[in-house]
N, C-alpha and C. Protein backbone atom coordinates (compact mmCIF):
# COMPACT_ATOMS: atom_id res chain seq x y z
N UNK A 1 -68.64 -152.77 -86.32
CA UNK A 1 -67.81 -152.54 -87.46
C UNK A 1 -67.89 -151.07 -87.85
N UNK A 2 -66.88 -150.60 -88.55
CA UNK A 2 -66.90 -149.27 -89.15
C UNK A 2 -67.34 -149.47 -90.60
N UNK A 3 -68.47 -148.88 -90.95
CA UNK A 3 -69.04 -149.01 -92.30
C UNK A 3 -68.93 -147.66 -92.99
N UNK A 4 -68.31 -147.64 -94.17
CA UNK A 4 -67.99 -146.39 -94.85
C UNK A 4 -68.44 -146.47 -96.30
N UNK A 5 -69.06 -145.39 -96.77
CA UNK A 5 -69.40 -145.24 -98.18
C UNK A 5 -68.84 -143.89 -98.63
N UNK A 6 -68.08 -143.91 -99.73
CA UNK A 6 -67.48 -142.69 -100.24
C UNK A 6 -67.82 -142.56 -101.72
N UNK A 7 -68.25 -141.35 -102.13
CA UNK A 7 -68.51 -141.07 -103.54
C UNK A 7 -67.38 -140.21 -104.09
N UNK A 8 -66.79 -140.67 -105.20
CA UNK A 8 -65.70 -139.97 -105.86
C UNK A 8 -66.16 -139.51 -107.24
N UNK A 9 -66.07 -138.23 -107.50
CA UNK A 9 -66.42 -137.67 -108.81
C UNK A 9 -65.11 -137.41 -109.57
N UNK A 10 -64.89 -138.15 -110.65
CA UNK A 10 -63.65 -138.05 -111.39
C UNK A 10 -63.72 -137.00 -112.50
N UNK A 11 -62.56 -136.48 -112.86
CA UNK A 11 -62.45 -135.64 -114.05
C UNK A 11 -62.69 -136.55 -115.25
N UNK A 12 -63.38 -136.07 -116.28
CA UNK A 12 -63.68 -136.94 -117.43
C UNK A 12 -62.45 -137.63 -118.02
N UNK A 13 -61.33 -136.94 -118.06
CA UNK A 13 -60.13 -137.54 -118.64
C UNK A 13 -59.51 -138.63 -117.76
N UNK A 14 -59.97 -138.76 -116.52
CA UNK A 14 -59.48 -139.79 -115.61
C UNK A 14 -60.48 -140.92 -115.41
N UNK A 15 -61.69 -140.76 -115.87
CA UNK A 15 -62.75 -141.73 -115.59
C UNK A 15 -62.38 -143.14 -116.02
N UNK A 16 -61.89 -143.30 -117.23
CA UNK A 16 -61.56 -144.65 -117.71
C UNK A 16 -60.31 -145.22 -117.06
N UNK A 17 -59.53 -144.40 -116.39
CA UNK A 17 -58.29 -144.84 -115.73
C UNK A 17 -58.42 -144.93 -114.22
N UNK A 18 -59.59 -144.57 -113.69
CA UNK A 18 -59.77 -144.50 -112.24
C UNK A 18 -59.46 -145.82 -111.55
N UNK A 19 -60.01 -146.91 -112.03
CA UNK A 19 -59.80 -148.20 -111.35
C UNK A 19 -58.34 -148.64 -111.41
N UNK A 20 -57.63 -148.26 -112.47
CA UNK A 20 -56.18 -148.54 -112.51
C UNK A 20 -55.45 -147.69 -111.47
N UNK A 21 -55.85 -146.43 -111.33
CA UNK A 21 -55.21 -145.54 -110.36
C UNK A 21 -55.41 -146.04 -108.94
N UNK A 22 -56.61 -146.50 -108.62
CA UNK A 22 -56.89 -146.94 -107.24
C UNK A 22 -56.55 -148.42 -107.02
N UNK A 23 -56.09 -149.11 -108.04
CA UNK A 23 -55.78 -150.53 -107.93
C UNK A 23 -54.80 -150.88 -106.82
N UNK A 24 -53.62 -150.25 -106.76
CA UNK A 24 -52.68 -150.58 -105.68
C UNK A 24 -53.25 -150.27 -104.29
N UNK A 25 -53.97 -149.16 -104.15
CA UNK A 25 -54.59 -148.80 -102.88
C UNK A 25 -55.63 -149.83 -102.48
N UNK A 26 -56.42 -150.27 -103.44
CA UNK A 26 -57.45 -151.27 -103.19
C UNK A 26 -56.82 -152.58 -102.72
N UNK A 27 -55.81 -153.05 -103.44
CA UNK A 27 -55.15 -154.32 -103.08
C UNK A 27 -54.51 -154.24 -101.70
N UNK A 28 -53.84 -153.15 -101.41
CA UNK A 28 -53.19 -153.01 -100.10
C UNK A 28 -54.21 -152.94 -98.97
N UNK A 29 -55.31 -152.24 -99.20
CA UNK A 29 -56.35 -152.14 -98.15
C UNK A 29 -57.01 -153.49 -97.92
N UNK A 30 -57.32 -154.21 -98.99
CA UNK A 30 -57.94 -155.53 -98.83
C UNK A 30 -57.04 -156.50 -98.08
N UNK A 31 -55.73 -156.27 -98.12
CA UNK A 31 -54.78 -157.15 -97.43
C UNK A 31 -54.62 -156.80 -95.94
N UNK A 32 -55.18 -155.69 -95.50
CA UNK A 32 -55.08 -155.30 -94.10
C UNK A 32 -55.82 -156.29 -93.21
N UNK A 33 -55.26 -156.55 -92.05
CA UNK A 33 -55.84 -157.52 -91.12
C UNK A 33 -57.29 -157.20 -90.75
N UNK A 34 -57.61 -155.94 -90.51
CA UNK A 34 -58.95 -155.58 -90.04
C UNK A 34 -59.93 -155.18 -91.12
N UNK A 35 -59.54 -155.27 -92.39
CA UNK A 35 -60.46 -154.89 -93.46
C UNK A 35 -61.43 -156.02 -93.73
N UNK A 36 -62.72 -155.70 -93.77
CA UNK A 36 -63.75 -156.70 -94.05
C UNK A 36 -64.10 -156.71 -95.54
N UNK A 37 -64.18 -155.53 -96.16
CA UNK A 37 -64.33 -155.42 -97.60
C UNK A 37 -63.99 -154.02 -98.06
N UNK A 38 -63.70 -153.91 -99.35
CA UNK A 38 -63.31 -152.65 -99.97
C UNK A 38 -63.71 -152.78 -101.43
N UNK A 39 -64.94 -152.38 -101.75
CA UNK A 39 -65.55 -152.67 -103.05
C UNK A 39 -65.95 -151.40 -103.80
N UNK A 40 -65.58 -151.35 -105.07
CA UNK A 40 -65.90 -150.22 -105.94
C UNK A 40 -67.09 -150.52 -106.82
N UNK A 41 -67.92 -149.50 -107.05
CA UNK A 41 -69.02 -149.55 -108.00
C UNK A 41 -69.00 -148.25 -108.79
N UNK A 42 -69.69 -148.28 -109.92
CA UNK A 42 -69.79 -147.09 -110.75
C UNK A 42 -71.26 -146.69 -110.85
N UNK A 43 -71.54 -145.41 -110.74
CA UNK A 43 -72.90 -144.91 -110.82
C UNK A 43 -73.52 -145.22 -112.18
N UNK A 44 -74.77 -145.65 -112.19
CA UNK A 44 -75.48 -145.88 -113.45
C UNK A 44 -76.02 -144.56 -114.01
N UNK A 45 -76.08 -143.52 -113.19
CA UNK A 45 -76.58 -142.22 -113.63
C UNK A 45 -75.47 -141.27 -114.07
N UNK A 46 -74.28 -141.43 -113.52
CA UNK A 46 -73.16 -140.54 -113.81
C UNK A 46 -71.90 -141.37 -113.98
N UNK A 47 -71.44 -141.58 -115.21
CA UNK A 47 -70.28 -142.44 -115.44
C UNK A 47 -68.98 -141.92 -114.84
N UNK A 48 -68.95 -140.66 -114.40
CA UNK A 48 -67.74 -140.13 -113.78
C UNK A 48 -67.74 -140.31 -112.25
N UNK A 49 -68.80 -140.91 -111.71
CA UNK A 49 -68.90 -141.10 -110.26
C UNK A 49 -68.67 -142.56 -109.89
N UNK A 50 -67.74 -142.76 -108.96
CA UNK A 50 -67.45 -144.09 -108.42
C UNK A 50 -67.80 -144.10 -106.94
N UNK A 51 -68.33 -145.23 -106.48
CA UNK A 51 -68.74 -145.36 -105.08
C UNK A 51 -67.92 -146.49 -104.45
N UNK A 52 -67.31 -146.17 -103.33
CA UNK A 52 -66.52 -147.13 -102.57
C UNK A 52 -67.30 -147.52 -101.33
N UNK A 53 -67.52 -148.82 -101.14
CA UNK A 53 -68.15 -149.34 -99.93
C UNK A 53 -67.08 -150.15 -99.21
N UNK A 54 -66.78 -149.74 -97.99
CA UNK A 54 -65.71 -150.40 -97.25
C UNK A 54 -66.13 -150.62 -95.81
N UNK A 55 -65.49 -151.59 -95.17
CA UNK A 55 -65.78 -151.88 -93.77
C UNK A 55 -64.52 -152.37 -93.09
N UNK A 56 -64.41 -151.99 -91.82
CA UNK A 56 -63.30 -152.42 -90.98
C UNK A 56 -63.86 -153.03 -89.70
N UNK A 57 -63.17 -154.00 -89.18
CA UNK A 57 -63.62 -154.76 -88.02
C UNK A 57 -63.99 -153.86 -86.85
N UNK A 58 -63.17 -152.84 -86.57
CA UNK A 58 -63.38 -151.97 -85.41
C UNK A 58 -62.61 -150.67 -85.59
N UNK A 59 -62.69 -149.81 -84.57
CA UNK A 59 -62.00 -148.52 -84.63
C UNK A 59 -60.49 -148.68 -84.79
N UNK A 60 -59.93 -149.67 -84.13
CA UNK A 60 -58.48 -149.88 -84.22
C UNK A 60 -58.08 -150.22 -85.65
N UNK A 61 -58.85 -151.07 -86.30
CA UNK A 61 -58.55 -151.44 -87.69
C UNK A 61 -58.72 -150.24 -88.62
N UNK A 62 -59.77 -149.45 -88.39
CA UNK A 62 -59.96 -148.24 -89.19
C UNK A 62 -58.84 -147.24 -88.98
N UNK A 63 -58.40 -147.11 -87.75
CA UNK A 63 -57.28 -146.21 -87.46
C UNK A 63 -55.98 -146.67 -88.08
N UNK A 64 -55.75 -147.98 -88.07
CA UNK A 64 -54.55 -148.52 -88.71
C UNK A 64 -54.58 -148.27 -90.22
N UNK A 65 -55.77 -148.37 -90.79
CA UNK A 65 -55.92 -148.10 -92.23
C UNK A 65 -55.53 -146.65 -92.55
N UNK A 66 -56.07 -145.71 -91.80
CA UNK A 66 -55.79 -144.29 -92.05
C UNK A 66 -54.32 -143.96 -91.80
N UNK A 67 -53.66 -144.70 -90.93
CA UNK A 67 -52.25 -144.46 -90.62
C UNK A 67 -51.30 -145.18 -91.57
N UNK A 68 -51.85 -146.02 -92.44
CA UNK A 68 -50.99 -146.85 -93.31
C UNK A 68 -50.31 -146.03 -94.40
N UNK A 69 -49.15 -146.48 -94.85
CA UNK A 69 -48.46 -145.79 -95.94
C UNK A 69 -49.28 -145.75 -97.23
N UNK A 70 -50.02 -146.82 -97.54
CA UNK A 70 -50.80 -146.82 -98.78
C UNK A 70 -51.98 -145.83 -98.72
N UNK A 71 -52.53 -145.61 -97.54
CA UNK A 71 -53.58 -144.60 -97.40
C UNK A 71 -53.00 -143.21 -97.65
N UNK A 72 -51.85 -142.93 -97.05
CA UNK A 72 -51.21 -141.63 -97.23
C UNK A 72 -50.83 -141.40 -98.69
N UNK A 73 -50.34 -142.44 -99.35
CA UNK A 73 -50.01 -142.33 -100.78
C UNK A 73 -51.26 -142.03 -101.59
N UNK A 74 -52.34 -142.74 -101.30
CA UNK A 74 -53.60 -142.51 -102.03
C UNK A 74 -54.11 -141.10 -101.82
N UNK A 75 -54.01 -140.57 -100.61
CA UNK A 75 -54.49 -139.22 -100.34
C UNK A 75 -53.69 -138.17 -101.12
N UNK A 76 -52.45 -138.50 -101.45
CA UNK A 76 -51.62 -137.61 -102.26
C UNK A 76 -51.85 -137.79 -103.76
N UNK A 77 -52.12 -139.02 -104.21
CA UNK A 77 -52.22 -139.31 -105.64
C UNK A 77 -53.62 -139.15 -106.21
N UNK A 78 -54.65 -139.49 -105.46
CA UNK A 78 -56.01 -139.50 -106.01
C UNK A 78 -56.57 -138.13 -106.38
N UNK A 79 -56.27 -137.06 -105.64
CA UNK A 79 -56.89 -135.77 -105.98
C UNK A 79 -56.64 -135.30 -107.40
N UNK A 80 -55.54 -135.68 -108.02
CA UNK A 80 -55.27 -135.25 -109.39
C UNK A 80 -56.36 -135.70 -110.37
N UNK A 81 -57.06 -136.78 -110.02
CA UNK A 81 -58.07 -137.36 -110.90
C UNK A 81 -59.49 -136.93 -110.54
N UNK A 82 -59.64 -136.12 -109.50
CA UNK A 82 -60.97 -135.79 -109.00
C UNK A 82 -61.45 -134.41 -109.42
N UNK A 83 -62.74 -134.33 -109.70
CA UNK A 83 -63.38 -133.07 -110.07
C UNK A 83 -63.87 -132.31 -108.84
N UNK A 84 -64.05 -133.02 -107.72
CA UNK A 84 -64.53 -132.38 -106.50
C UNK A 84 -64.11 -133.22 -105.29
N UNK A 85 -64.26 -132.64 -104.11
CA UNK A 85 -63.94 -133.34 -102.87
C UNK A 85 -64.90 -134.52 -102.70
N UNK A 86 -64.37 -135.71 -102.39
CA UNK A 86 -65.26 -136.86 -102.18
C UNK A 86 -66.25 -136.62 -101.03
N UNK A 87 -67.39 -137.29 -101.13
CA UNK A 87 -68.44 -137.24 -100.10
C UNK A 87 -68.42 -138.57 -99.34
N UNK A 88 -68.53 -138.51 -98.02
CA UNK A 88 -68.38 -139.72 -97.21
C UNK A 88 -69.47 -139.84 -96.16
N UNK A 89 -69.83 -141.08 -95.89
CA UNK A 89 -70.62 -141.45 -94.71
C UNK A 89 -69.80 -142.51 -94.00
N UNK A 90 -69.51 -142.30 -92.73
CA UNK A 90 -68.72 -143.25 -91.93
C UNK A 90 -69.43 -143.43 -90.60
N UNK A 91 -69.85 -144.67 -90.32
CA UNK A 91 -70.61 -144.95 -89.11
C UNK A 91 -70.13 -146.24 -88.46
N UNK A 92 -70.18 -146.27 -87.15
CA UNK A 92 -69.98 -147.52 -86.42
C UNK A 92 -71.34 -148.18 -86.32
N UNK A 93 -71.42 -149.43 -86.76
CA UNK A 93 -72.69 -150.15 -86.71
C UNK A 93 -72.50 -151.48 -86.01
N UNK A 94 -73.58 -152.01 -85.50
CA UNK A 94 -73.56 -153.29 -84.79
C UNK A 94 -73.77 -154.41 -85.80
N UNK A 95 -72.70 -154.79 -86.46
CA UNK A 95 -72.74 -155.86 -87.45
C UNK A 95 -71.31 -156.37 -87.65
N UNK A 96 -71.20 -157.55 -88.22
CA UNK A 96 -69.88 -158.10 -88.54
C UNK A 96 -69.79 -158.52 -89.99
N UNK A 97 -70.92 -158.49 -90.71
CA UNK A 97 -70.97 -158.89 -92.10
C UNK A 97 -72.30 -158.42 -92.69
N UNK A 98 -72.49 -158.65 -93.96
CA UNK A 98 -73.76 -158.36 -94.62
C UNK A 98 -74.83 -159.31 -94.10
N UNK A 99 -76.06 -158.85 -94.02
CA UNK A 99 -77.19 -159.69 -93.63
C UNK A 99 -78.04 -159.99 -94.85
N UNK A 100 -78.79 -161.08 -94.81
CA UNK A 100 -79.74 -161.37 -95.87
C UNK A 100 -80.84 -160.31 -95.86
N UNK A 101 -81.34 -159.96 -97.05
CA UNK A 101 -82.42 -159.00 -97.17
C UNK A 101 -83.74 -159.72 -96.87
N UNK A 102 -84.37 -159.34 -95.77
CA UNK A 102 -85.58 -160.00 -95.33
C UNK A 102 -86.76 -159.87 -96.27
N UNK A 103 -86.80 -158.76 -97.04
CA UNK A 103 -87.92 -158.52 -97.93
C UNK A 103 -87.84 -159.34 -99.23
N UNK A 104 -86.72 -160.01 -99.45
CA UNK A 104 -86.55 -160.78 -100.68
C UNK A 104 -85.71 -162.03 -100.38
N UNK A 105 -86.31 -163.18 -100.59
CA UNK A 105 -85.59 -164.43 -100.40
C UNK A 105 -85.51 -165.14 -101.74
N UNK A 106 -84.32 -165.58 -102.08
CA UNK A 106 -84.12 -166.30 -103.33
C UNK A 106 -83.72 -167.73 -103.00
N UNK A 107 -84.37 -168.68 -103.67
CA UNK A 107 -84.03 -170.09 -103.51
C UNK A 107 -84.64 -170.67 -102.34
């Protein structure tokens, strides 16, 4: 799978509207055939920082995502709300889903 984590630092005036701004992009990406997940979180240390954790089945699915109209629209619309260039980690890993955490078992 292609496993990606991106940190987005928003302008303060956009922070409360960020999830609305990325809403259509999020919905369209989650509907893609090869998308495994596309989940947003907010930093507990910096309220203007949002973290996106996403995964795609394989390189082809990731490539289709980057070539999609909604990706291109997002790349044009999102920068207006950002204070800096997003930071990304993108890796191909040998997994198909989340694994249980071995160090902690519940139930």
